[in-house]
C-alpha atoms as a PDB file:
ATOM      1  CA  UNK A   1     101.763  98.885 127.438  1.00  0.00           C
ATOM      2  CA  UNK A   2     100.025  96.316 125.083  1.00  0.00           C
ATOM      3  CA  UNK A   3      98.635  94.520 128.310  1.00  0.00           C
ATOM      4  CA  UNK A   4      97.463  97.926 129.903  1.00  0.00           C
ATOM      5  CA  UNK A   5      95.903  99.212 126.530  1.00  0.00           C
ATOM      6  CA  UNK A   6      93.770  95.681 126.227  1.00  0.00           C
ATOM      7  CA  UNK A   7      92.655  95.910 129.609  1.00  0.00           C
ATOM      8  CA  UNK A   8      91.259  99.506 129.786  1.00  0.00           C
ATOM      9  CA  UNK A   9      89.701  98.712 126.190  1.00  0.00           C
ATOM     10  CA  UNK A  10      88.025  95.740 127.659  1.00  0.00           C
ATOM     11  CA  UNK A  11      86.923  97.467 130.838  1.00  0.00           C
ATOM     12  CA  UNK A  12      85.138 100.298 128.967  1.00  0.00           C
ATOM     13  CA  UNK A  13      83.391  97.652 126.889  1.00  0.00           C
ATOM     14  CA  UNK A  14      81.779  96.002 130.075  1.00  0.00           C
ATOM     15  CA  UNK A  15      84.208  93.325 130.658  1.00  0.00           C
ATOM     16  CA  UNK A  16      85.896  92.662 134.100  1.00  0.00           C
ATOM     17  CA  UNK A  17      89.896  92.202 133.007  1.00  0.00           C
ATOM     18  CA  UNK A  18      92.316  91.066 135.447  1.00  0.00           C
ATOM     19  CA  UNK A  19      96.051  91.774 134.729  1.00  0.00           C
ATOM     20  CA  UNK A  20      98.631  89.365 136.206  1.00  0.00           C
ATOM     21  CA  UNK A  21     102.120  91.052 136.673  1.00  0.00           C
ATOM     22  CA  UNK A  22     105.043  88.989 137.923  1.00  0.00           C
ATOM     23  CA  UNK A  23     106.671  92.111 139.433  1.00  0.00           C
ATOM     24  CA  UNK A  24     105.529  93.746 142.620  1.00  0.00           C
ATOM     25  CA  UNK A  25     104.768  96.966 140.712  1.00  0.00           C
ATOM     26  CA  UNK A  26     103.694  97.928 137.038  1.00  0.00           C
ATOM     27  CA  UNK A  27     106.783  99.130 135.366  1.00  0.00           C
ATOM     28  CA  UNK A  28     109.203  97.691 137.922  1.00  0.00           C
ATOM     29  CA  UNK A  29     110.908  95.608 135.083  1.00  0.00           C
ATOM     30  CA  UNK A  30     112.120  99.004 133.635  1.00  0.00           C
ATOM     31  CA  UNK A  31     114.825 101.406 134.964  1.00  0.00           C
ATOM     32  CA  UNK A  32     113.312 104.829 134.726  1.00  0.00           C
ATOM     33  CA  UNK A  33     115.128 105.377 131.287  1.00  0.00           C
ATOM     34  CA  UNK A  34     113.664 107.644 128.498  1.00  0.00           C
ATOM     35  CA  UNK A  35     112.064 106.473 125.505  1.00  0.00           C
ATOM     36  CA  UNK A  36     110.165 108.090 122.625  1.00  0.00           C
ATOM     37  CA  UNK A  37     106.849 107.846 121.212  1.00  0.00           C
ATOM     38  CA  UNK A  38     107.497 108.500 117.483  1.00  0.00           C
ATOM     39  CA  UNK A  39     105.214 110.761 115.495  1.00  0.00           C
ATOM     40  CA  UNK A  40     106.076 109.404 111.978  1.00  0.00           C
ATOM     41  CA  UNK A  41     105.223 105.855 111.640  1.00  0.00           C
ATOM     42  CA  UNK A  42     101.419 106.326 111.882  1.00  0.00           C
ATOM     43  CA  UNK A  43      99.225 109.206 110.363  1.00  0.00           C
ATOM     44  CA  UNK A  44      97.666 109.960 113.787  1.00  0.00           C
ATOM     45  CA  UNK A  45      99.682 112.245 116.042  1.00  0.00           C
ATOM     46  CA  UNK A  46     100.708 110.895 119.432  1.00  0.00           C
ATOM     47  CA  UNK A  47      97.892 112.917 121.601  1.00  0.00           C
ATOM     48  CA  UNK A  48      95.123 111.724 119.012  1.00  0.00           C
ATOM     49  CA  UNK A  49      96.637 108.274 119.350  1.00  0.00           C
ATOM     50  CA  UNK A  50      96.374 108.046 122.952  1.00  0.00           C
ATOM     51  CA  UNK A  51      92.764 109.502 123.048  1.00  0.00           C
ATOM     52  CA  UNK A  52      91.798 106.729 120.609  1.00  0.00           C
ATOM     53  CA  UNK A  53      93.417 104.185 122.928  1.00  0.00           C
ATOM     54  CA  UNK A  54      91.168 105.109 125.731  1.00  0.00           C
ATOM     55  CA  UNK A  55      93.914 106.905 127.774  1.00  0.00           C
ATOM     56  CA  UNK A  56      94.079 110.597 128.786  1.00  0.00           C
ATOM     57  CA  UNK A  57      97.104 111.931 127.097  1.00  0.00           C
ATOM     58  CA  UNK A  58      97.120 115.100 129.065  1.00  0.00           C
ATOM     59  CA  UNK A  59      97.502 113.271 132.451  1.00  0.00           C
ATOM     60  CA  UNK A  60     100.614 111.850 131.024  1.00  0.00           C
ATOM     61  CA  UNK A  61     104.267 113.280 131.628  1.00  0.00           C
ATOM     62  CA  UNK A  62     105.610 113.841 128.234  1.00  0.00           C
ATOM     63  CA  UNK A  63     108.207 116.015 126.595  1.00  0.00           C
ATOM     64  CA  UNK A  64     107.840 116.972 122.896  1.00  0.00           C
ATOM     65  CA  UNK A  65     110.900 116.966 120.881  1.00  0.00           C
ATOM     66  CA  UNK A  66     111.176 119.147 117.786  1.00  0.00           C
ATOM     67  CA  UNK A  67     115.073 119.275 117.606  1.00  0.00           C
ATOM     68  CA  UNK A  68     117.858 116.781 118.295  1.00  0.00           C
ATOM     69  CA  UNK A  69     121.369 116.452 117.370  1.00  0.00           C
ATOM     70  CA  UNK A  70     123.107 113.651 115.264  1.00  0.00           C
ATOM     71  CA  UNK A  71     126.784 112.796 116.042  1.00  0.00           C
ATOM     72  CA  UNK A  72     129.233 110.973 113.661  1.00  0.00           C
ATOM     73  CA  UNK A  73     132.924 110.809 113.222  1.00  0.00           C
ATOM     74  CA  UNK A  74     132.772 112.726 110.100  1.00  0.00           C
ATOM     75  CA  UNK A  75     132.380 116.312 111.129  1.00  0.00           C
ATOM     76  CA  UNK A  76     130.464 118.603 113.461  1.00  0.00           C
ATOM     77  CA  UNK A  77     127.245 117.407 115.088  1.00  0.00           C
ATOM     78  CA  UNK A  78     124.147 117.866 112.723  1.00  0.00           C
ATOM     79  CA  UNK A  79     121.127 119.692 113.814  1.00  0.00           C
ATOM     80  CA  UNK A  80     117.648 118.179 112.790  1.00  0.00           C
ATOM     81  CA  UNK A  81     114.534 120.203 113.477  1.00  0.00           C
ATOM     82  CA  UNK A  82     110.873 120.331 112.496  1.00  0.00           C
ATOM     83  CA  UNK A  83     108.010 122.544 113.084  1.00  0.00           C
ATOM     84  CA  UNK A  84     105.919 119.462 114.683  1.00  0.00           C
ATOM     85  CA  UNK A  85     107.562 117.080 117.342  1.00  0.00           C
ATOM     86  CA  UNK A  86     109.554 114.200 116.049  1.00  0.00           C
ATOM     87  CA  UNK A  87     108.674 112.329 119.099  1.00  0.00           C
ATOM     88  CA  UNK A  88     107.322 112.696 122.887  1.00  0.00           C
ATOM     89  CA  UNK A  89     110.004 111.618 125.383  1.00  0.00           C
ATOM     90  CA  UNK A  90     108.519 109.517 128.194  1.00  0.00           C
ATOM     91  CA  UNK A  91     110.165 107.660 131.274  1.00  0.00           C
ATOM     92  CA  UNK A  92     109.646 104.079 131.529  1.00  0.00           C
ATOM     93  CA  UNK A  93     109.324 102.468 134.954  1.00  0.00           C
ATOM     94  CA  UNK A  94     107.222 102.299 138.249  1.00  0.00           C
ATOM     95  CA  UNK A  95     107.802 105.968 139.234  1.00  0.00           C
ATOM     96  CA  UNK A  96     104.875 108.515 139.666  1.00  0.00           C
ATOM     97  CA  UNK A  97     106.195 110.379 136.458  1.00  0.00           C
ATOM     98  CA  UNK A  98     106.857 107.266 134.519  1.00  0.00           C
ATOM     99  CA  UNK A  99     104.539 106.153 131.580  1.00  0.00           C
ATOM    100  CA  UNK A 100     104.128 102.688 132.811  1.00  0.00           C
ATOM    101  CA  UNK A 101     102.794 103.688 136.273  1.00  0.00           C
ATOM    102  CA  UNK A 102     100.768 106.433 134.802  1.00  0.00           C
ATOM    103  CA  UNK A 103      98.733 104.093 132.457  1.00  0.00           C
ATOM    104  CA  UNK A 104      98.421 101.631 135.343  1.00  0.00           C
ATOM    105  CA  UNK A 105      96.890 104.553 137.453  1.00  0.00           C
ATOM    106  CA  UNK A 106      94.432 105.146 134.698  1.00  0.00           C
ATOM    107  CA  UNK A 107      93.346 101.617 134.514  1.00  0.00           C
ATOM    108  CA  UNK A 108      93.089 101.313 138.182  1.00  0.00           C
ATOM    109  CA  UNK A 109      90.862 104.434 138.192  1.00  0.00           C
ATOM    110  CA  UNK A 110      88.110 102.693 135.984  1.00  0.00           C
ATOM    111  CA  UNK A 111      88.210  99.504 138.060  1.00  0.00           C
ATOM    112  CA  UNK A 112      90.658  97.223 136.107  1.00  0.00           C
ATOM    113  CA  UNK A 113      92.013  94.630 138.618  1.00  0.00           C
ATOM    114  CA  UNK A 114      95.720  93.950 139.095  1.00  0.00           C
ATOM    115  CA  UNK A 115      97.219  90.745 140.784  1.00  0.00           C
ATOM    116  CA  UNK A 116     100.865  91.918 141.445  1.00  0.00           C
ATOM    117  CA  UNK A 117     103.698  89.692 142.199  1.00  0.00           C
ATOM    118  CA  UNK A 118     101.892  86.781 140.230  1.00  0.00           C
ATOM    119  CA  UNK A 119     102.728  85.009 137.267  1.00  0.00           C
ATOM    120  CA  UNK A 120      99.757  84.576 134.770  1.00  0.00           C
ATOM    121  CA  UNK A 121      98.012  81.186 134.827  1.00  0.00           C
ATOM    122  CA  UNK A 122      97.943  79.263 131.590  1.00  0.00           C
ATOM    123  CA  UNK A 123      94.181  79.942 131.118  1.00  0.00           C
ATOM    124  CA  UNK A 124      94.900  83.729 130.338  1.00  0.00           C
ATOM    125  CA  UNK A 125      93.230  84.902 127.183  1.00  0.00           C
ATOM    126  CA  UNK A 126      96.033  87.349 126.460  1.00  0.00           C
ATOM    127  CA  UNK A 127      99.815  87.143 126.642  1.00  0.00           C
ATOM    128  CA  UNK A 128     101.919  90.281 126.789  1.00  0.00           C
ATOM    129  CA  UNK A 129     105.149  88.882 128.031  1.00  0.00           C
ATOM    130  CA  UNK A 130     107.753  90.658 126.096  1.00  0.00           C
ATOM    131  CA  UNK A 131     110.307  89.374 123.883  1.00  0.00           C
ATOM    132  CA  UNK A 132     111.962  85.943 124.151  1.00  0.00           C
ATOM    133  CA  UNK A 133     114.440  85.397 121.500  1.00  0.00           C
ATOM    134  CA  UNK A 134     117.300  88.341 121.585  1.00  0.00           C
ATOM    135  CA  UNK A 135     118.493  89.623 118.440  1.00  0.00           C
ATOM    136  CA  UNK A 136     119.664  92.956 119.640  1.00  0.00           C
ATOM    137  CA  UNK A 137     120.912  94.420 122.958  1.00  0.00           C
ATOM    138  CA  UNK A 138     120.561  97.777 124.937  1.00  0.00           C
ATOM    139  CA  UNK A 139     123.140  98.971 127.484  1.00  0.00           C
ATOM    140  CA  UNK A 140     122.482 102.064 129.280  1.00  0.00           C
ATOM    141  CA  UNK A 141     123.190 104.470 132.252  1.00  0.00           C
ATOM    142  CA  UNK A 142     120.578 106.661 134.080  1.00  0.00           C
ATOM    143  CA  UNK A 143     122.227 109.567 135.797  1.00  0.00           C
ATOM    144  CA  UNK A 144     121.545 113.042 137.468  1.00  0.00           C
ATOM    145  CA  UNK A 145     122.848 116.276 135.814  1.00  0.00           C
ATOM    146  CA  UNK A 146     122.469 119.998 135.773  1.00  0.00           C
ATOM    147  CA  UNK A 147     122.872 120.265 132.052  1.00  0.00           C
ATOM    148  CA  UNK A 148     120.129 121.723 130.084  1.00  0.00           C
ATOM    149  CA  UNK A 149     117.482 119.708 128.135  1.00  0.00           C
ATOM    150  CA  UNK A 150     118.748 118.053 125.073  1.00  0.00           C
ATOM    151  CA  UNK A 151     118.700 114.997 122.854  1.00  0.00           C
ATOM    152  CA  UNK A 152     121.620 113.471 120.831  1.00  0.00           C
ATOM    153  CA  UNK A 153     121.853 110.489 118.323  1.00  0.00           C
ATOM    154  CA  UNK A 154     125.339 108.866 118.001  1.00  0.00           C
ATOM    155  CA  UNK A 155     126.089 106.852 115.061  1.00  0.00           C
ATOM    156  CA  UNK A 156     129.091 104.427 114.278  1.00  0.00           C
ATOM    157  CA  UNK A 157     130.241 101.013 114.577  1.00  0.00           C
ATOM    158  CA  UNK A 158     132.368 101.531 117.367  1.00  0.00           C
ATOM    159  CA  UNK A 159     129.339 103.039 119.397  1.00  0.00           C
ATOM    160  CA  UNK A 160     126.503 100.767 118.303  1.00  0.00           C
ATOM    161  CA  UNK A 161     127.291  98.288 115.377  1.00  0.00           C
ATOM    162  CA  UNK A 162     124.195  97.949 113.159  1.00  0.00           C
ATOM    163  CA  UNK A 163     122.337 100.227 115.686  1.00  0.00           C
ATOM    164  CA  UNK A 164     122.583 103.489 117.352  1.00  0.00           C
ATOM    165  CA  UNK A 165     123.505 105.272 120.777  1.00  0.00           C
ATOM    166  CA  UNK A 166     121.449 107.991 122.235  1.00  0.00           C
ATOM    167  CA  UNK A 167     121.688 110.734 124.948  1.00  0.00           C
ATOM    168  CA  UNK A 168     118.737 112.277 126.439  1.00  0.00           C
ATOM    169  CA  UNK A 169     118.718 114.844 129.106  1.00  0.00           C
ATOM    170  CA  UNK A 170     115.400 116.279 130.462  1.00  0.00           C
ATOM    171  CA  UNK A 171     114.856 118.140 133.813  1.00  0.00           C
ATOM    172  CA  UNK A 172     117.851 117.035 135.275  1.00  0.00           C
ATOM    173  CA  UNK A 173     117.669 113.273 134.421  1.00  0.00           C
ATOM    174  CA  UNK A 174     119.757 111.937 131.849  1.00  0.00           C
ATOM    175  CA  UNK A 175     119.793 108.574 129.859  1.00  0.00           C
ATOM    176  CA  UNK A 176     122.605 107.318 127.858  1.00  0.00           C
ATOM    177  CA  UNK A 177     122.069 104.020 125.951  1.00  0.00           C
ATOM    178  CA  UNK A 178     123.371 102.104 123.119  1.00  0.00           C
ATOM    179  CA  UNK A 179     121.338  99.662 121.138  1.00  0.00           C
ATOM    180  CA  UNK A 180     123.322  97.383 119.009  1.00  0.00           C
ATOM    181  CA  UNK A 181     123.805  94.046 117.458  1.00  0.00           C
ATOM    182  CA  UNK A 182     126.505  92.153 119.105  1.00  0.00           C
ATOM    183  CA  UNK A 183     129.378  91.313 116.783  1.00  0.00           C
ATOM    184  CA  UNK A 184     130.884  87.668 117.208  1.00  0.00           C
ATOM    185  CA  UNK A 185     133.736  87.212 119.595  1.00  0.00           C
ATOM    186  CA  UNK A 186     133.891  90.855 120.546  1.00  0.00           C
ATOM    187  CA  UNK A 187     134.822  92.301 123.973  1.00  0.00           C
ATOM    188  CA  UNK A 188     134.216  96.109 123.013  1.00  0.00           C
ATOM    189  CA  UNK A 189     132.452  98.011 125.501  1.00  0.00           C
ATOM    190  CA  UNK A 190     130.163 100.091 123.265  1.00  0.00           C
ATOM    191  CA  UNK A 191     128.513 102.011 126.170  1.00  0.00           C
ATOM    192  CA  UNK A 192     131.709 103.119 127.577  1.00  0.00           C
ATOM    193  CA  UNK A 193     132.827 103.975 124.072  1.00  0.00           C
ATOM    194  CA  UNK A 194     129.786 106.371 123.700  1.00  0.00           C
ATOM    195  CA  UNK A 195     130.098 107.737 127.216  1.00  0.00           C
ATOM    196  CA  UNK A 196     133.898 108.745 126.395  1.00  0.00           C
ATOM    197  CA  UNK A 197     132.708 110.224 123.194  1.00  0.00           C
ATOM    198  CA  UNK A 198     130.262 112.694 124.822  1.00  0.00           C
ATOM    199  CA  UNK A 199     132.649 113.306 127.780  1.00  0.00           C
ATOM    200  CA  UNK A 200     135.160 114.570 125.122  1.00  0.00           C
ATOM    201  CA  UNK A 201     132.739 116.839 123.635  1.00  0.00           C
ATOM    202  CA  UNK A 202     132.103 118.588 126.957  1.00  0.00           C
ATOM    203  CA  UNK A 203     128.714 116.566 127.799  1.00  0.00           C
ATOM    204  CA  UNK A 204     129.636 115.136 131.048  1.00  0.00           C
ATOM    205  CA  UNK A 205     128.138 111.776 131.568  1.00  0.00           C
ATOM    206  CA  UNK A 206     128.650 110.181 135.067  1.00  0.00           C
ATOM    207  CA  UNK A 207     128.888 106.385 135.409  1.00  0.00           C
ATOM    208  CA  UNK A 208     125.908 105.999 137.666  1.00  0.00           C
ATOM    209  CA  UNK A 209     123.177 103.529 137.528  1.00  0.00           C
ATOM    210  CA  UNK A 210     123.592 100.922 134.720  1.00  0.00           C
ATOM    211  CA  UNK A 211     120.623  99.067 132.875  1.00  0.00           C
ATOM    212  CA  UNK A 212     120.320  96.639 130.158  1.00  0.00           C
ATOM    213  CA  UNK A 213     117.518  94.909 127.935  1.00  0.00           C
ATOM    214  CA  UNK A 214     117.139  93.176 124.825  1.00  0.00           C
ATOM    215  CA  UNK A 215     115.104  93.042 121.480  1.00  0.00           C
ATOM    216  CA  UNK A 216     113.965  90.648 118.657  1.00  0.00           C
ATOM    217  CA  UNK A 217     113.645  90.853 115.193  1.00  0.00           C
ATOM    218  CA  UNK A 218     111.167  87.886 114.446  1.00  0.00           C
ATOM    219  CA  UNK A 219     107.859  88.398 112.497  1.00  0.00           C
ATOM    220  CA  UNK A 220     105.151  86.040 113.554  1.00  0.00           C
ATOM    221  CA  UNK A 221     102.606  87.324 111.175  1.00  0.00           C
ATOM    222  CA  UNK A 222      98.991  86.406 111.292  1.00  0.00           C
ATOM    223  CA  UNK A 223      95.507  87.330 112.618  1.00  0.00           C
ATOM    224  CA  UNK A 224      94.160  87.701 115.945  1.00  0.00           C
ATOM    225  CA  UNK A 225      93.421  84.361 117.574  1.00  0.00           C
ATOM    226  CA  UNK A 226      93.198  83.149 121.163  1.00  0.00           C
ATOM    227  CA  UNK A 227      95.378  83.259 123.103  1.00  0.00           C
ATOM    228  CA  UNK A 228      96.299  86.533 121.883  1.00  0.00           C
ATOM    229  CA  UNK A 229      99.846  87.264 121.886  1.00  0.00           C
ATOM    230  CA  UNK A 230     100.396  91.171 121.868  1.00  0.00           C
ATOM    231  CA  UNK A 231     103.315  93.558 122.287  1.00  0.00           C
ATOM    232  CA  UNK A 232     106.588  92.158 121.834  1.00  0.00           C
ATOM    233  CA  UNK A 233     105.278  88.562 122.639  1.00  0.00           C
ATOM    234  CA  UNK A 234     103.549  88.863 119.185  1.00  0.00           C
ATOM    235  CA  UNK A 235     106.322  90.731 117.560  1.00  0.00           C
ATOM    236  CA  UNK A 236     104.514  93.899 117.410  1.00  0.00           C
ATOM    237  CA  UNK A 237     107.244  96.430 117.360  1.00  0.00           C
ATOM    238  CA  UNK A 238     109.481  98.687 115.260  1.00  0.00           C
ATOM    239  CA  UNK A 239     112.461  96.911 114.024  1.00  0.00           C
ATOM    240  CA  UNK A 240     114.537 100.016 113.121  1.00  0.00           C
ATOM    241  CA  UNK A 241     114.879 102.228 115.849  1.00  0.00           C
ATOM    242  CA  UNK A 242     112.748 100.520 118.374  1.00  0.00           C
ATOM    243  CA  UNK A 243     109.902 103.077 118.623  1.00  0.00           C
ATOM    244  CA  UNK A 244     107.590 100.384 119.306  1.00  0.00           C
ATOM    245  CA  UNK A 245     105.223 101.558 122.169  1.00  0.00           C
ATOM    246  CA  UNK A 246     102.482 102.599 119.623  1.00  0.00           C
ATOM    247  CA  UNK A 247     102.686  99.363 117.860  1.00  0.00           C
ATOM    248  CA  UNK A 248     102.464  97.552 121.147  1.00  0.00           C
ATOM    249  CA  UNK A 249      99.609  99.456 122.359  1.00  0.00           C
ATOM    250  CA  UNK A 250      97.538  98.984 119.104  1.00  0.00           C
ATOM    251  CA  UNK A 251      97.990  95.330 119.246  1.00  0.00           C
ATOM    252  CA  UNK A 252      96.533  95.241 122.724  1.00  0.00           C
ATOM    253  CA  UNK A 253      93.604  97.402 121.064  1.00  0.00           C
ATOM    254  CA  UNK A 254      93.150  94.688 118.383  1.00  0.00           C
ATOM    255  CA  UNK A 255      93.099  92.044 120.826  1.00  0.00           C
ATOM    256  CA  UNK A 256      90.376  93.661 122.992  1.00  0.00           C
ATOM    257  CA  UNK A 257      88.277  94.310 119.907  1.00  0.00           C
ATOM    258  CA  UNK A 258      88.488  90.761 118.807  1.00  0.00           C
ATOM    259  CA  UNK A 259      87.410  89.554 122.297  1.00  0.00           C
ATOM    260  CA  UNK A 260      84.386  91.977 122.239  1.00  0.00           C
ATOM    261  CA  UNK A 261      83.244  90.542 118.859  1.00  0.00           C
ATOM    262  CA  UNK A 262      84.560  93.199 116.799  1.00  0.00           C
ATOM    263  CA  UNK A 263      86.433  91.075 114.497  1.00  0.00           C
ATOM    264  CA  UNK A 264      86.659  93.331 111.420  1.00  0.00           C
ATOM    265  CA  UNK A 265      87.894  96.370 113.244  1.00  0.00           C
ATOM    266  CA  UNK A 266      90.418  94.139 114.900  1.00  0.00           C
ATOM    267  CA  UNK A 267      91.715  92.930 111.696  1.00  0.00           C
ATOM    268  CA  UNK A 268      92.064  96.604 110.248  1.00  0.00           C
ATOM    269  CA  UNK A 269      94.461  97.133 112.984  1.00  0.00           C
ATOM    270  CA  UNK A 270      96.282  94.042 112.605  1.00  0.00           C
ATOM    271  CA  UNK A 271      96.587  94.683 108.778  1.00  0.00           C
ATOM    272  CA  UNK A 272      97.952  98.245 109.458  1.00  0.00           C
ATOM    273  CA  UNK A 273     100.243  96.922 112.088  1.00  0.00           C
ATOM    274  CA  UNK A 274     101.708  94.010 109.708  1.00  0.00           C
ATOM    275  CA  UNK A 275     102.295  96.737 106.766  1.00  0.00           C
ATOM    276  CA  UNK A 276     104.302  98.827 109.371  1.00  0.00           C
ATOM    277  CA  UNK A 277     106.266  95.876 110.532  1.00  0.00           C
ATOM    278  CA  UNK A 278     107.029  94.824 107.249  1.00  0.00           C
ATOM    279  CA  UNK A 279     108.439  98.213 106.391  1.00  0.00           C
ATOM    280  CA  UNK A 280     110.438  98.499 109.750  1.00  0.00           C
ATOM    281  CA  UNK A 281     111.896  95.018 108.805  1.00  0.00           C
ATOM    282  CA  UNK A 282     113.032  96.376 105.425  1.00  0.00           C
ATOM    283  CA  UNK A 283     114.234  99.542 106.793  1.00  0.00           C
ATOM    284  CA  UNK A 284     116.527  97.514 109.308  1.00  0.00           C
ATOM    285  CA  UNK A 285     117.933  95.544 106.516  1.00  0.00           C
ATOM    286  CA  UNK A 286     118.784  98.787 104.506  1.00  0.00           C
ATOM    287  CA  UNK A 287     120.064 100.383 107.406  1.00  0.00           C
ATOM    288  CA  UNK A 288     122.468  97.559 108.490  1.00  0.00           C
ATOM    289  CA  UNK A 289     124.194  97.844 104.950  1.00  0.00           C
ATOM    290  CA  UNK A 290     125.170 101.313 105.365  1.00  0.00           C
ATOM    291  CA  UNK A 291     128.701 102.360 106.257  1.00  0.00           C
ATOM    292  CA  UNK A 292     129.417 104.770 109.046  1.00  0.00           C
ATOM    293  CA  UNK A 293     130.132 107.505 106.387  1.00  0.00           C
ATOM    294  CA  UNK A 294     126.896 106.664 104.557  1.00  0.00           C
ATOM    295  CA  UNK A 295     124.986 107.122 107.762  1.00  0.00           C
ATOM    296  CA  UNK A 296     126.556 110.497 108.327  1.00  0.00           C
ATOM    297  CA  UNK A 297     125.649 111.609 104.672  1.00  0.00           C
ATOM    298  CA  UNK A 298     122.085 110.597 105.220  1.00  0.00           C
ATOM    299  CA  UNK A 299     122.032 112.532 108.470  1.00  0.00           C
ATOM    300  CA  UNK A 300     123.183 115.658 106.523  1.00  0.00           C
ATOM    301  CA  UNK A 301     120.565 115.307 103.754  1.00  0.00           C
ATOM    302  CA  UNK A 302     117.829 114.980 106.381  1.00  0.00           C
ATOM    303  CA  UNK A 303     119.056 117.950 108.213  1.00  0.00           C
ATOM    304  CA  UNK A 304     118.697 120.019 104.945  1.00  0.00           C
ATOM    305  CA  UNK A 305     115.083 119.124 104.470  1.00  0.00           C
ATOM    306  CA  UNK A 306     112.475 121.917 105.390  1.00  0.00           C
ATOM    307  CA  UNK A 307     110.089 119.030 106.860  1.00  0.00           C
ATOM    308  CA  UNK A 308     112.279 116.038 107.997  1.00  0.00           C
ATOM    309  CA  UNK A 309     109.404 114.487 109.705  1.00  0.00           C
ATOM    310  CA  UNK A 310     107.685 113.907 106.361  1.00  0.00           C
ATOM    311  CA  UNK A 311     110.801 111.991 104.955  1.00  0.00           C
ATOM    312  CA  UNK A 312     110.710 109.584 107.950  1.00  0.00           C
ATOM    313  CA  UNK A 313     106.844 108.999 107.542  1.00  0.00           C
ATOM    314  CA  UNK A 314     107.541 108.258 103.952  1.00  0.00           C
ATOM    315  CA  UNK A 315     109.826 105.516 104.884  1.00  0.00           C
ATOM    316  CA  UNK A 316     106.724 103.808 106.628  1.00  0.00           C
ATOM    317  CA  UNK A 317     104.303 104.385 103.792  1.00  0.00           C
ATOM    318  CA  UNK A 318     102.643 101.313 102.250  1.00  0.00           C
ATOM    319  CA  UNK A 319     103.365 102.451  98.712  1.00  0.00           C
ATOM    320  CA  UNK A 320     104.662 100.711  95.489  1.00  0.00           C
ATOM    321  CA  UNK A 321     108.285 101.490  96.037  1.00  0.00           C
ATOM    322  CA  UNK A 322     108.221 100.063  99.627  1.00  0.00           C
ATOM    323  CA  UNK A 323     106.229  97.095  98.779  1.00  0.00           C
ATOM    324  CA  UNK A 324     108.911  96.136  96.188  1.00  0.00           C
ATOM    325  CA  UNK A 325     111.523  96.655  98.798  1.00  0.00           C
ATOM    326  CA  UNK A 326     109.761  94.171 101.039  1.00  0.00           C
ATOM    327  CA  UNK A 327     109.296  91.574  98.182  1.00  0.00           C
ATOM    328  CA  UNK A 328     112.960  91.789  97.341  1.00  0.00           C
ATOM    329  CA  UNK A 329     114.469  91.941 100.822  1.00  0.00           C
ATOM    330  CA  UNK A 330     112.177  89.800 103.173  1.00  0.00           C
ATOM    331  CA  UNK A 331     114.265  86.710 103.205  1.00  0.00           C
ATOM    332  CA  UNK A 332     117.776  88.287 103.175  1.00  0.00           C
ATOM    333  CA  UNK A 333     118.135  88.217 106.930  1.00  0.00           C
ATOM    334  CA  UNK A 334     119.448  86.130 109.813  1.00  0.00           C
ATOM    335  CA  UNK A 335     116.000  86.257 111.455  1.00  0.00           C
ATOM    336  CA  UNK A 336     113.392  85.302 108.700  1.00  0.00           C
ATOM    337  CA  UNK A 337     109.673  86.215 108.787  1.00  0.00           C
ATOM    338  CA  UNK A 338     107.411  83.161 110.129  1.00  0.00           C
END
């Protein structure tokens, strides 16, 4: 996401960027699983954001989600809904309806060059190679289903310790996944626990195509200097629920602006990104301290709000309360800021 954004920005600025991709296809490292483009971390909504990033949002396959269900072991599922979409679901991969492929096509249409199946030379100006140090893991299943469109969040240490599990079904395609921090010396299969839970509630999840990935919580703060590390390579991600696509793309835009000589505009983006990353880091620490019962209570409170999207947005506002949280909590973690 970050590299494609940097490339399209550079091409439109008159440069001739070349993207090196070690896979034979763009998006081949993904599995056709669903992810979300959040609508609360930044003030700009998702369609406006893509326009500012030089991509045509209307040419992308997205699914706005204004309602989802939260499951815990403390009562019935909780419905959370809002007038505006919480997020836009997208598929990740190399298929014609996948976000990676569709952004690749838009880059190709304006003449961005790609070297597929080749590792990047050491002389590259921009590095967008993904996360290296694993601090969290994702295990999932992609499957076909006849069930109607729906989105579920499953909370609890037996399903996703210090994380969350989710079930997304859109147009006959489903993704069940759990994102978790692996406890030491554990042999628990959290994904199968989540699958068993949904099967027991009447939402049948077949054991079909598995996938896995990992994430990092390191915070390498700094300004944009060559070689520019963007996306997860530069730590540009959301550390709480992993809604990092927009952060990743913005880092690509910042790198492109710096290369074209627009240093001030680049640093404005980097400053905003660093603020959001600090807040997501604090939110991650606070989230990990919650008990299963406390998580359930917070979900109930969120469901009772008339505009829950604004509550989520407030957690990412760079205000006095959240700045104090950052000051007090920034060194209380196993992976510290650098």
